[in-house]
Structure formats: C-alpha cells, structure tokens
Amino acid sequence: LDSIDIPAGVTFIGRGAFWKCDRLKKVYSRPVIPPVTNAWSPSHLPFESDATETCTLFIPKGSAKAYRASEVFSGFKNIVELEDWQWPTSISTPTMPTDAYKVYGKNGTLHIETIGGAHDPAFVNVYNINGQVVWKGQVSKRMEVPLPQGVYVVKIGKRNYKISL
C-alpha cells in the first residue's frame, strides 16, 4: 500500500488504522474538516510517526490550519493543499497546471523551475530538433540540464516548450 484516499464523507479513523503501512508515500484526505480518532495516546494514532515524517498529505485547499491542529494529522511534515481540479479521479496522481513551470535556456543550460507551492514531481522529456529524446527525468522544484547548442522541445505533462541554446 503506497497511497490512501480518504473519502470526503469520512469523519472518524480508528486507532492504528494505517499502522505497518511501511511503503506509504501519499495520503489523500478529502474531508474539509479533518477526521477524528479514538486514540488515547500518540502511540495509538491512526498513522505511525514514520509515516507522518515521510508521507505527503494532500488536503482540500484552505484546510491546512485545521489539519495541522488535528490530533490525527498534526504529525505530518509534508502537507499540500489541492484545488478541486487537482484531486485524482482514479489511481493517477494530482497534477499541477502546465503553466506552473518556467522553462528557459541560458549559457548552454536548460533551466526548469516550478512556480507556486510544493507539488508532486513532474515527468520531463527533452527532444532535439530531430525528435530524439536527449534527456528525461523528473522535476520537483528546480533543475538544470547542460545541453549542446541547438533547438529543443521540452515536454512537461501535456505542455511543450521550445528552447534555443
């Protein structure tokens, strides 16, 4: 189990509900008001402290203050607020708008920078003028890719950028 999607109608999560979920990376909690628990001590909360240190908690936009104050979710270090359109509709992950990136070439280097808050890494493909992939990877905040002089197409999600170095 690497992700959990808590539906908007959930108001209660039982103690230890997600213990031993060692591979947990993402928790999507859709309720605007954070669910409560019946734990009588921190060692009986729904999530282990390891999970709250390393997982990303995705919550509705505008509810961060309530989640940070809640008994169940206050231990999460990585909290990301999502707009309605950013929530996954299936097993896919939320995406940022393609204009959330600044892409430019400078001094023989391709620069990609995110604009706005924290979000999941995006897949990037860089193509030369002949359509060949010359670099691929992920960007989460900022990256630099040294490339030879030329014209490139940078694809991030469904958006393409034309860059000249």
C-alpha atoms as a PDB file:
ATOM      1  CA  LEU A   1       0.000   0.000   0.000  1.00  0.00           C
ATOM      2  CA  ASP A   2       1.708   3.207  -1.143  1.00  0.00           C
ATOM      3  CA  SER A   3      -1.244   5.616  -1.093  1.00  0.00           C
ATOM      4  CA  ILE A   4      -4.513   6.085   0.755  1.00  0.00           C
ATOM      5  CA  ASP A   5      -7.528   8.046  -0.448  1.00  0.00           C
ATOM      6  CA  ILE A   6      -9.815   9.065   2.415  1.00  0.00           C
ATOM      7  CA  PRO A   7     -13.271   9.980   1.020  1.00  0.00           C
ATOM      8  CA  ALA A   8     -14.844  13.370   1.782  1.00  0.00           C
ATOM      9  CA  GLY A   9     -17.576  11.831   3.955  1.00  0.00           C
ATOM     10  CA  VAL A  10     -15.197  10.208   6.466  1.00  0.00           C
ATOM     11  CA  THR A  11     -15.416  11.765   9.943  1.00  0.00           C
ATOM     12  CA  PHE A  12     -13.627   9.113  12.041  1.00  0.00           C
ATOM     13  CA  ILE A  13     -10.471   6.990  11.638  1.00  0.00           C
ATOM     14  CA  GLY A  14      -9.864   4.191  14.143  1.00  0.00           C
ATOM     15  CA  ARG A  15      -6.675   3.955  16.177  1.00  0.00           C
ATOM     16  CA  GLY A  16      -3.833   2.183  14.421  1.00  0.00           C
ATOM     17  CA  ALA A  17      -5.841   2.004  11.165  1.00  0.00           C
ATOM     18  CA  PHE A  18      -2.777   2.562   8.982  1.00  0.00           C
ATOM     19  CA  TRP A  19      -0.023   1.090  11.137  1.00  0.00           C
ATOM     20  CA  LYS A  20       2.540  -1.124   9.426  1.00  0.00           C
ATOM     21  CA  CYS A  21       1.952   0.569   6.058  1.00  0.00           C
ATOM     22  CA  ASP A  22       5.720   0.780   5.547  1.00  0.00           C
ATOM     23  CA  ARG A  23       5.530   1.778   1.878  1.00  0.00           C
ATOM     24  CA  LEU A  24       3.023   4.572   2.363  1.00  0.00           C
ATOM     25  CA  LYS A  25       4.046   7.686   0.397  1.00  0.00           C
ATOM     26  CA  LYS A  26       0.811   9.637  -0.182  1.00  0.00           C
ATOM     27  CA  VAL A  27      -2.320  10.218   1.858  1.00  0.00           C
ATOM     28  CA  TYR A  28      -5.218  11.984   0.125  1.00  0.00           C
ATOM     29  CA  SER A  29      -7.628  13.230   2.771  1.00  0.00           C
ATOM     30  CA  ARG A  30     -10.678  14.757   1.078  1.00  0.00           C
ATOM     31  CA  PRO A  31     -12.718  15.923   4.122  1.00  0.00           C
ATOM     32  CA  VAL A  32     -12.566  19.699   4.637  1.00  0.00           C
ATOM     33  CA  ILE A  33     -12.888  19.050   8.390  1.00  0.00           C
ATOM     34  CA  PRO A  34     -10.210  16.519   9.428  1.00  0.00           C
ATOM     35  CA  PRO A  35     -11.482  13.162  10.697  1.00  0.00           C
ATOM     36  CA  VAL A  36     -11.077  12.427  14.423  1.00  0.00           C
ATOM     37  CA  THR A  37      -9.921   9.265  16.219  1.00  0.00           C
ATOM     38  CA  ASN A  38     -10.444   7.402  19.482  1.00  0.00           C
ATOM     39  CA  ALA A  39      -6.728   7.079  20.300  1.00  0.00           C
ATOM     40  CA  TRP A  40      -5.871   7.556  23.966  1.00  0.00           C
ATOM     41  CA  SER A  41      -2.179   8.279  23.361  1.00  0.00           C
ATOM     42  CA  PRO A  42       0.122   9.259  20.461  1.00  0.00           C
ATOM     43  CA  SER A  43       1.240   5.636  20.167  1.00  0.00           C
ATOM     44  CA  HIS A  44      -2.320   4.681  19.217  1.00  0.00           C
ATOM     45  CA  LEU A  45      -2.972   7.255  16.482  1.00  0.00           C
ATOM     46  CA  PRO A  46      -4.094   6.029  13.025  1.00  0.00           C
ATOM     47  CA  PHE A  47      -0.658   6.705  11.442  1.00  0.00           C
ATOM     48  CA  GLU A  48       2.768   5.703  12.738  1.00  0.00           C
ATOM     49  CA  SER A  49       5.215   8.550  13.291  1.00  0.00           C
ATOM     50  CA  ASP A  50       7.489   7.203  10.499  1.00  0.00           C
ATOM     51  CA  ALA A  51       4.666   7.662   8.009  1.00  0.00           C
ATOM     52  CA  THR A  52       3.924  11.203   9.150  1.00  0.00           C
ATOM     53  CA  GLU A  53       7.602  12.111   8.731  1.00  0.00           C
ATOM     54  CA  THR A  54       7.947  10.823   5.161  1.00  0.00           C
ATOM     55  CA  CYS A  55       4.473  10.787   3.570  1.00  0.00           C
ATOM     56  CA  THR A  56       2.866  13.668   1.740  1.00  0.00           C
ATOM     57  CA  LEU A  57      -0.600  14.569   2.984  1.00  0.00           C
ATOM     58  CA  PHE A  58      -2.866  16.058   0.295  1.00  0.00           C
ATOM     59  CA  ILE A  59      -5.802  18.040   1.687  1.00  0.00           C
ATOM     60  CA  PRO A  60      -8.515  20.403   0.398  1.00  0.00           C
ATOM     61  CA  LYS A  61      -7.430  23.974  -0.310  1.00  0.00           C
ATOM     62  CA  GLY A  62      -7.970  26.201   2.720  1.00  0.00           C
ATOM     63  CA  SER A  63      -7.979  23.427   5.329  1.00  0.00           C
ATOM     64  CA  ALA A  64      -4.268  23.346   6.298  1.00  0.00           C
ATOM     65  CA  LYS A  65      -4.786  25.150   9.614  1.00  0.00           C
ATOM     66  CA  ALA A  66      -7.423  22.631  10.717  1.00  0.00           C
ATOM     67  CA  TYR A  67      -5.304  19.639   9.649  1.00  0.00           C
ATOM     68  CA  ARG A  68      -2.170  20.955  11.396  1.00  0.00           C
ATOM     69  CA  ALA A  69      -4.214  21.340  14.601  1.00  0.00           C
ATOM     70  CA  SER A  70      -5.940  17.936  14.367  1.00  0.00           C
ATOM     71  CA  GLU A  71      -4.903  15.014  16.534  1.00  0.00           C
ATOM     72  CA  VAL A  72      -4.871  12.607  13.594  1.00  0.00           C
ATOM     73  CA  PHE A  73      -2.883  14.681  11.079  1.00  0.00           C
ATOM     74  CA  SER A  74      -0.801  17.167  13.110  1.00  0.00           C
ATOM     75  CA  GLY A  75       2.316  14.977  12.840  1.00  0.00           C
ATOM     76  CA  PHE A  76       2.528  15.194   9.038  1.00  0.00           C
ATOM     77  CA  LYS A  77       5.553  17.225   7.929  1.00  0.00           C
ATOM     78  CA  ASN A  78       4.632  17.433   4.218  1.00  0.00           C
ATOM     79  CA  ILE A  79       1.174  18.917   3.666  1.00  0.00           C
ATOM     80  CA  VAL A  80      -0.034  20.040   0.229  1.00  0.00           C
ATOM     81  CA  GLU A  81      -3.349  21.801  -0.338  1.00  0.00           C
ATOM     82  CA  LEU A  82      -5.131  20.858  -3.571  1.00  0.00           C
ATOM     83  CA  GLU A  83      -7.718  22.721  -5.604  1.00  0.00           C
ATOM     84  CA  ASP A  84     -10.819  20.703  -6.574  1.00  0.00           C
ATOM     85  CA  TRP A  85      -9.498  20.024 -10.087  1.00  0.00           C
ATOM     86  CA  GLN A  86      -6.190  18.644  -8.772  1.00  0.00           C
ATOM     87  CA  TRP A  87      -7.611  15.639  -6.925  1.00  0.00           C
ATOM     88  CA  PRO A  88      -7.008  12.258  -8.543  1.00  0.00           C
ATOM     89  CA  THR A  89     -10.084  10.791 -10.183  1.00  0.00           C
ATOM     90  CA  SER A  90      -8.671   7.272 -10.274  1.00  0.00           C
ATOM     91  CA  ILE A  91      -5.304   5.817  -9.343  1.00  0.00           C
ATOM     92  CA  SER A  92      -3.498   8.698 -11.014  1.00  0.00           C
ATOM     93  CA  THR A  93      -1.726  11.394  -9.022  1.00  0.00           C
ATOM     94  CA  PRO A  94      -2.734  15.041  -8.917  1.00  0.00           C
ATOM     95  CA  THR A  95      -1.096  17.294 -11.456  1.00  0.00           C
ATOM     96  CA  MET A  96      -0.211  20.920 -11.497  1.00  0.00           C
ATOM     97  CA  PRO A  97      -1.207  23.221 -14.315  1.00  0.00           C
ATOM     98  CA  THR A  98       1.350  23.177 -17.096  1.00  0.00           C
ATOM     99  CA  ASP A  99       1.953  26.892 -16.674  1.00  0.00           C
ATOM    100  CA  ALA A 100       3.361  26.088 -13.236  1.00  0.00           C
ATOM    101  CA  TYR A 101       6.837  25.925 -14.811  1.00  0.00           C
ATOM    102  CA  LYS A 102       9.314  28.479 -16.038  1.00  0.00           C
ATOM    103  CA  VAL A 103      11.402  26.908 -18.815  1.00  0.00           C
ATOM    104  CA  TYR A 104      14.322  28.720 -20.410  1.00  0.00           C
ATOM    105  CA  GLY A 105      17.824  28.295 -21.823  1.00  0.00           C
ATOM    106  CA  LYS A 106      20.842  30.192 -20.542  1.00  0.00           C
ATOM    107  CA  ASN A 107      24.588  29.706 -21.080  1.00  0.00           C
ATOM    108  CA  GLY A 108      24.229  26.235 -22.605  1.00  0.00           C
ATOM    109  CA  THR A 109      21.935  25.008 -19.851  1.00  0.00           C
ATOM    110  CA  LEU A 110      18.228  24.205 -19.850  1.00  0.00           C
ATOM    111  CA  HIS A 111      16.557  25.592 -16.711  1.00  0.00           C
ATOM    112  CA  ILE A 112      13.205  24.366 -15.392  1.00  0.00           C
ATOM    113  CA  GLU A 113      11.716  25.990 -12.303  1.00  0.00           C
ATOM    114  CA  THR A 114       8.382  25.427 -10.632  1.00  0.00           C
ATOM    115  CA  ILE A 115       6.152  28.405  -9.983  1.00  0.00           C
ATOM    116  CA  GLY A 116       3.962  28.382  -6.896  1.00  0.00           C
ATOM    117  CA  GLY A 117       3.793  25.958  -3.987  1.00  0.00           C
ATOM    118  CA  ALA A 118       5.072  22.456  -3.477  1.00  0.00           C
ATOM    119  CA  HIS A 119       3.681  19.653  -5.616  1.00  0.00           C
ATOM    120  CA  ASP A 120       4.487  16.203  -6.914  1.00  0.00           C
ATOM    121  CA  PRO A 121       7.410  15.781  -9.304  1.00  0.00           C
ATOM    122  CA  ALA A 122       6.516  16.139 -12.998  1.00  0.00           C
ATOM    123  CA  PHE A 123       7.904  13.995 -15.797  1.00  0.00           C
ATOM    124  CA  VAL A 124      10.073  15.868 -18.289  1.00  0.00           C
ATOM    125  CA  ASN A 125      11.233  14.811 -21.759  1.00  0.00           C
ATOM    126  CA  VAL A 126      13.690  16.884 -23.774  1.00  0.00           C
ATOM    127  CA  TYR A 127      13.799  16.310 -27.548  1.00  0.00           C
ATOM    128  CA  ASN A 128      16.313  17.568 -30.091  1.00  0.00           C
ATOM    129  CA  ILE A 129      15.261  19.055 -33.432  1.00  0.00           C
ATOM    130  CA  ASN A 130      15.191  15.526 -34.936  1.00  0.00           C
ATOM    131  CA  GLY A 131      12.637  14.327 -32.379  1.00  0.00           C
ATOM    132  CA  GLN A 132      15.098  12.177 -30.432  1.00  0.00           C
ATOM    133  CA  VAL A 133      14.900  12.107 -26.643  1.00  0.00           C
ATOM    134  CA  VAL A 134      18.138  13.633 -25.337  1.00  0.00           C
ATOM    135  CA  TRP A 135      17.155  13.763 -21.661  1.00  0.00           C
ATOM    136  CA  LYS A 136      14.318  12.566 -19.466  1.00  0.00           C
ATOM    137  CA  GLY A 137      13.647  12.743 -15.774  1.00  0.00           C
ATOM    138  CA  GLN A 138      11.542  14.465 -13.160  1.00  0.00           C
ATOM    139  CA  VAL A 139      11.407  17.988 -11.787  1.00  0.00           C
ATOM    140  CA  SER A 140      10.007  18.832  -8.365  1.00  0.00           C
ATOM    141  CA  LYS A 141      11.357  22.308  -7.663  1.00  0.00           C
ATOM    142  CA  ARG A 142      14.215  23.316  -9.910  1.00  0.00           C
ATOM    143  CA  MET A 143      16.610  21.608 -12.257  1.00  0.00           C
ATOM    144  CA  GLU A 144      19.369  22.400 -14.718  1.00  0.00           C
ATOM    145  CA  VAL A 145      20.353  20.227 -17.675  1.00  0.00           C
ATOM    146  CA  PRO A 146      23.538  21.072 -19.608  1.00  0.00           C
ATOM    147  CA  LEU A 147      22.948  20.596 -23.356  1.00  0.00           C
ATOM    148  CA  PRO A 148      24.890  21.357 -26.538  1.00  0.00           C
ATOM    149  CA  GLN A 149      23.920  24.403 -28.576  1.00  0.00           C
ATOM    150  CA  GLY A 150      20.713  23.842 -30.541  1.00  0.00           C
ATOM    151  CA  VAL A 151      16.928  23.952 -30.509  1.00  0.00           C
ATOM    152  CA  TYR A 152      14.997  21.685 -28.139  1.00  0.00           C
ATOM    153  CA  VAL A 153      11.418  20.823 -27.311  1.00  0.00           C
ATOM    154  CA  VAL A 154      10.782  20.327 -23.605  1.00  0.00           C
ATOM    155  CA  LYS A 155       7.645  18.376 -22.737  1.00  0.00           C
ATOM    156  CA  ILE A 156       6.246  18.667 -19.210  1.00  0.00           C
ATOM    157  CA  GLY A 157       2.946  16.867 -18.855  1.00  0.00           C
ATOM    158  CA  LYS A 158       0.836  17.908 -21.859  1.00  0.00           C
ATOM    159  CA  ARG A 159       2.678  21.187 -22.425  1.00  0.00           C
ATOM    160  CA  ASN A 160       5.568  21.703 -24.859  1.00  0.00           C
ATOM    161  CA  TYR A 161       8.175  24.449 -24.677  1.00  0.00           C
ATOM    162  CA  LYS A 162      10.560  25.384 -27.499  1.00  0.00           C
ATOM    163  CA  ILE A 163      14.005  26.369 -26.209  1.00  0.00           C
ATOM    164  CA  SER A 164      17.050  27.627 -28.076  1.00  0.00           C
ATOM    165  CA  LEU A 165      20.507  27.316 -26.543  1.00  0.00           C
END
